[in-house]
Amino acid sequence: MKQLLNNIFWHALSGAQSKFSVGTRHARRYAPGFSPIVAFVDPQLPDFDALLPFCETGEQFYCDGWSGAVPAGWRIALESTMLKMIWEGELPAVDAAPDSVPLHARHVPQAVALAELTHPGPFGPRTIELGDYFGYFDGDRLIAMAGERSCAESVREVSGICTHPQFQGRGLARKLTAKLIRRQMLRGETPFLHVMRDNSGARELYKRMGFVDYRESVVRVVRRSA
């Protein structure tokens, strides 16, 4: 499991989610429209040249675990650190969000709007195709969501966790997260997630739920230059 989590996006993009990706045997990215994430067979020796045919000038991508020199043709737009957290809690006894709504293609505009407002991490109009996504609505407005992004073998990521600022404090995102954890565990999968280092509130919430810190790594947002 550790080998998978240490380079989870590579194992996802070159394995179970290869149909959602483009690239080579050294470097891959989620296809346009999905979450803008790149990964490399060796994150310490990333082959950015291999990605050039699959990237447009000006595109930005998240890259996990790489802290080396920036290659020609690319620049760093943002650098921070994030934590991988893995589930060590018990199986949730019941579905915490039985009244939530499964998100489908018709909900993409609302999901993208909520992600742009709340910034839960890299998100694109096709991201909800990567797994199960659920949400809560206020009329036609999506006010909370959570879903699944990367996966490899028996580990599956909980991602896109967010709540509209006007509806925070009601436990909506927590209920959706617990729902996904239960579904994954019943499938024999181990849930994990990512949280930015400075998002201490979310990190403490996840710890109270049953997640534990696994690994901290550098995360960069890189942009392809002209």
Protein backbone atom coordinates (compact mmCIF):
# COMPACT_ATOMS: atom_id res chain seq x y z
CA MET A 1 0.00 0.00 0.00
CA LYS A 2 2.83 2.43 0.84
CA GLN A 3 4.38 1.94 -2.58
CA LEU A 4 1.06 2.89 -4.17
CA LEU A 5 0.43 5.94 -1.99
CA ASN A 6 3.94 7.31 -2.38
CA ASN A 7 3.26 7.88 -6.09
CA ILE A 8 -0.49 7.41 -6.22
CA PHE A 9 -1.21 9.57 -9.26
CA TRP A 10 1.28 7.67 -11.38
CA HIS A 11 -0.20 4.33 -10.35
CA ALA A 12 -3.68 5.64 -11.10
CA LEU A 13 -2.85 7.24 -14.45
CA SER A 14 -0.81 4.30 -15.69
CA GLY A 15 -3.12 1.65 -14.23
CA ALA A 16 -6.80 1.64 -13.30
CA GLN A 17 -7.43 5.11 -14.73
CA SER A 18 -5.26 4.91 -17.82
CA LYS A 19 -8.37 5.29 -20.01
CA PHE A 20 -8.78 8.77 -18.52
CA SER A 21 -5.16 9.77 -19.18
CA VAL A 22 -2.68 10.55 -21.93
CA GLY A 23 1.10 10.37 -22.02
CA THR A 24 3.94 7.89 -22.22
CA ARG A 25 5.46 5.14 -20.11
CA HIS A 26 7.45 7.81 -18.26
CA ALA A 27 4.97 10.65 -17.81
CA ARG A 28 1.19 10.95 -17.87
CA ARG A 29 -1.57 13.44 -17.19
CA TYR A 30 -5.31 13.24 -16.79
CA ALA A 31 -6.82 13.94 -20.20
CA PRO A 32 -8.10 17.46 -20.88
CA GLY A 33 -11.31 18.13 -18.99
CA PHE A 34 -10.36 16.02 -15.99
CA SER A 35 -8.41 17.20 -12.96
CA PRO A 36 -5.21 18.95 -14.18
CA ILE A 37 -2.70 16.57 -12.57
CA VAL A 38 0.55 15.16 -13.98
CA ALA A 39 2.60 12.26 -12.65
CA PHE A 40 5.88 10.52 -13.44
CA VAL A 41 7.22 7.02 -13.06
CA ASP A 42 9.99 8.62 -10.95
CA PRO A 43 8.75 11.85 -9.32
CA GLN A 44 12.32 12.84 -8.40
CA LEU A 45 13.40 12.62 -12.06
CA PRO A 46 10.31 13.90 -13.89
CA ASP A 47 10.39 13.64 -17.68
CA PHE A 48 8.63 16.87 -18.57
CA ASP A 49 9.79 16.63 -22.18
CA ALA A 50 7.63 13.52 -22.55
CA LEU A 51 4.58 15.59 -21.56
CA LEU A 52 5.07 18.38 -24.09
CA PRO A 53 3.05 16.76 -26.91
CA PHE A 54 0.11 16.37 -24.52
CA CYS A 55 0.06 19.89 -23.05
CA GLU A 56 -0.93 23.26 -24.43
CA THR A 57 1.03 26.46 -23.80
CA GLY A 58 -0.33 28.12 -20.67
CA GLU A 59 -1.89 24.99 -19.18
CA GLN A 60 -1.37 24.53 -15.46
CA PHE A 61 -0.96 21.21 -13.66
CA TYR A 62 -0.58 19.94 -10.11
CA CYS A 63 2.50 17.81 -9.54
CA ASP A 64 3.01 15.82 -6.32
CA GLY A 65 6.35 14.85 -4.80
CA TRP A 66 8.74 16.75 -7.08
CA SER A 67 11.09 19.37 -5.63
CA GLY A 68 13.93 19.50 -8.16
CA ALA A 69 15.03 22.14 -10.64
CA VAL A 70 12.46 23.50 -13.05
CA PRO A 71 13.07 22.29 -16.62
CA ALA A 72 13.13 24.59 -19.62
CA GLY A 73 9.68 25.35 -20.97
CA TRP A 74 7.98 25.26 -17.57
CA ARG A 75 7.64 27.53 -14.58
CA ILE A 76 6.29 27.14 -11.07
CA ALA A 77 3.07 29.03 -10.44
CA LEU A 78 2.64 27.83 -6.84
CA GLU A 79 4.53 25.66 -4.36
CA SER A 80 3.30 24.30 -1.04
CA THR A 81 3.08 21.03 0.88
CA MET A 82 0.19 18.66 1.40
CA LEU A 83 -0.55 15.68 3.57
CA LYS A 84 -1.78 12.31 2.51
CA MET A 85 -4.11 10.93 5.15
CA ILE A 86 -5.25 7.33 5.27
CA TRP A 87 -8.34 5.88 6.93
CA GLU A 88 -7.80 3.85 10.09
CA GLY A 89 -11.27 4.24 11.57
CA GLU A 90 -14.09 1.75 11.85
CA LEU A 91 -16.63 1.04 9.15
CA PRO A 92 -19.36 3.70 9.48
CA ALA A 93 -22.38 1.82 10.77
CA VAL A 94 -24.92 3.52 8.49
CA ASP A 95 -25.03 5.71 5.40
CA ALA A 96 -24.49 9.19 6.85
CA ALA A 97 -26.02 10.92 3.81
CA PRO A 98 -28.95 8.82 2.54
CA ASP A 99 -30.66 11.98 1.27
CA SER A 100 -27.72 13.10 -0.87
CA VAL A 101 -27.97 13.23 -4.66
CA PRO A 102 -25.66 11.29 -7.01
CA LEU A 103 -23.96 13.74 -9.36
CA HIS A 104 -24.12 13.08 -13.09
CA ALA A 105 -23.31 14.91 -16.32
CA ARG A 106 -26.26 17.27 -15.95
CA HIS A 107 -24.78 18.50 -12.66
CA VAL A 108 -21.38 19.43 -14.11
CA PRO A 109 -22.04 23.22 -14.30
CA GLN A 110 -23.09 23.30 -10.63
CA ALA A 111 -20.11 21.14 -9.57
CA VAL A 112 -17.60 23.29 -11.45
CA ALA A 113 -19.16 26.48 -10.04
CA LEU A 114 -18.91 25.15 -6.48
CA ALA A 115 -15.30 24.03 -7.01
CA GLU A 116 -14.34 27.43 -8.44
CA LEU A 117 -15.88 29.11 -5.40
CA THR A 118 -14.41 26.85 -2.70
CA HIS A 119 -11.14 25.56 -4.23
CA PRO A 120 -11.17 21.94 -2.98
CA GLY A 121 -8.22 21.07 -5.24
CA PRO A 122 -7.70 20.43 -8.96
CA PHE A 123 -11.12 19.92 -10.51
CA GLY A 124 -12.39 19.85 -14.08
CA PRO A 125 -15.74 19.40 -15.83
CA ARG A 126 -15.08 15.66 -16.30
CA THR A 127 -13.68 14.97 -12.83
CA ILE A 128 -16.97 13.46 -11.63
CA GLU A 129 -16.44 10.66 -14.18
CA LEU A 130 -13.50 9.36 -12.11
CA GLY A 131 -15.71 7.87 -9.40
CA ASP A 132 -18.88 8.32 -7.39
CA TYR A 133 -19.82 11.89 -6.51
CA PHE A 134 -22.65 12.97 -4.23
CA GLY A 135 -24.01 16.35 -3.27
CA TYR A 136 -26.61 18.40 -1.49
CA PHE A 137 -28.72 21.01 -3.25
CA ASP A 138 -30.59 24.12 -2.26
CA GLY A 139 -33.06 24.33 -5.07
CA ASP A 140 -30.98 24.07 -8.24
CA ARG A 141 -27.81 25.23 -6.50
CA LEU A 142 -25.22 22.63 -5.45
CA ILE A 143 -24.16 23.58 -1.92
CA ALA A 144 -21.92 20.66 -0.90
CA MET A 145 -20.21 17.76 -2.61
CA ALA A 146 -17.63 15.03 -2.21
CA GLY A 147 -16.46 12.25 -4.49
CA GLU A 148 -13.69 9.95 -5.64
CA ARG A 149 -10.68 10.84 -7.77
CA SER A 150 -7.56 8.65 -8.02
CA CYS A 151 -7.47 4.92 -7.33
CA ALA A 152 -5.00 2.07 -7.58
CA GLU A 153 -5.59 -1.53 -6.58
CA SER A 154 -7.25 -1.40 -3.14
CA VAL A 155 -6.79 2.30 -2.31
CA ARG A 156 -9.24 4.99 -3.39
CA GLU A 157 -9.14 8.70 -2.87
CA VAL A 158 -11.92 10.80 -1.37
CA SER A 159 -11.73 14.18 -3.06
CA GLY A 160 -13.60 17.32 -4.11
CA ILE A 161 -14.85 17.81 -0.54
CA CYS A 162 -16.39 21.26 -0.27
CA THR A 163 -19.32 23.30 1.01
CA HIS A 164 -20.70 26.63 -0.17
CA PRO A 165 -19.67 29.32 2.36
CA GLN A 166 -23.31 30.18 3.09
CA PHE A 167 -24.03 26.59 4.16
CA GLN A 168 -20.96 25.73 6.21
CA GLY A 169 -21.29 24.51 9.80
CA ARG A 170 -24.08 22.04 9.04
CA GLY A 171 -21.86 18.97 8.63
CA LEU A 172 -22.84 18.43 5.00
CA ALA A 173 -19.34 17.70 3.68
CA ARG A 174 -18.60 15.45 6.64
CA LYS A 175 -21.73 13.39 5.97
CA LEU A 176 -20.85 13.04 2.30
CA THR A 177 -17.29 12.02 3.18
CA ALA A 178 -18.54 9.41 5.65
CA LYS A 179 -20.90 8.07 3.00
CA LEU A 180 -18.03 7.56 0.57
CA ILE A 181 -15.85 5.94 3.23
CA ARG A 182 -18.57 3.42 4.00
CA ARG A 183 -19.10 2.62 0.31
CA GLN A 184 -15.38 2.14 -0.25
CA MET A 185 -14.87 -0.06 2.79
CA LEU A 186 -17.80 -2.25 1.80
CA ARG A 187 -16.01 -2.75 -1.53
CA GLY A 188 -12.85 -3.79 0.31
CA GLU A 189 -11.03 -0.54 -0.43
CA THR A 190 -8.95 1.67 1.88
CA PRO A 191 -9.93 5.36 1.73
CA PHE A 192 -7.33 8.12 1.67
CA LEU A 193 -7.34 11.83 0.93
CA HIS A 194 -5.13 14.86 0.46
CA VAL A 195 -5.24 18.07 2.48
CA MET A 196 -3.06 21.14 2.18
CA ARG A 197 -0.69 21.68 5.09
CA ASP A 198 -2.16 25.07 6.02
CA ASN A 199 -5.76 23.79 6.03
CA SER A 200 -5.60 22.89 9.71
CA GLY A 201 -9.37 22.95 10.20
CA ALA A 202 -9.99 20.28 7.57
CA ARG A 203 -7.06 18.22 8.79
CA GLU A 204 -8.39 18.14 12.35
CA LEU A 205 -11.86 17.21 11.11
CA TYR A 206 -10.46 14.31 9.12
CA LYS A 207 -8.50 13.14 12.16
CA ARG A 208 -11.64 13.17 14.30
CA MET A 209 -13.39 11.11 11.65
CA GLY A 210 -10.69 8.40 11.62
CA PHE A 211 -8.00 9.48 9.16
CA VAL A 212 -4.35 9.59 10.23
CA ASP A 213 -1.38 11.42 8.71
CA TYR A 214 0.60 9.22 6.36
CA ARG A 215 3.04 11.42 4.45
CA GLU A 216 3.76 15.05 3.74
CA SER A 217 5.04 15.98 0.30
CA VAL A 218 5.79 18.98 -1.87
CA VAL A 219 3.04 19.93 -4.27
CA ARG A 220 3.65 22.31 -7.13
CA VAL A 221 1.44 23.96 -9.69
CA VAL A 222 3.46 24.15 -12.90
CA ARG A 223 2.66 26.06 -16.06
CA ARG A 224 3.87 25.24 -19.56
CA SER A 225 5.61 28.30 -20.96
CA ALA A 226 5.66 29.44 -24.55
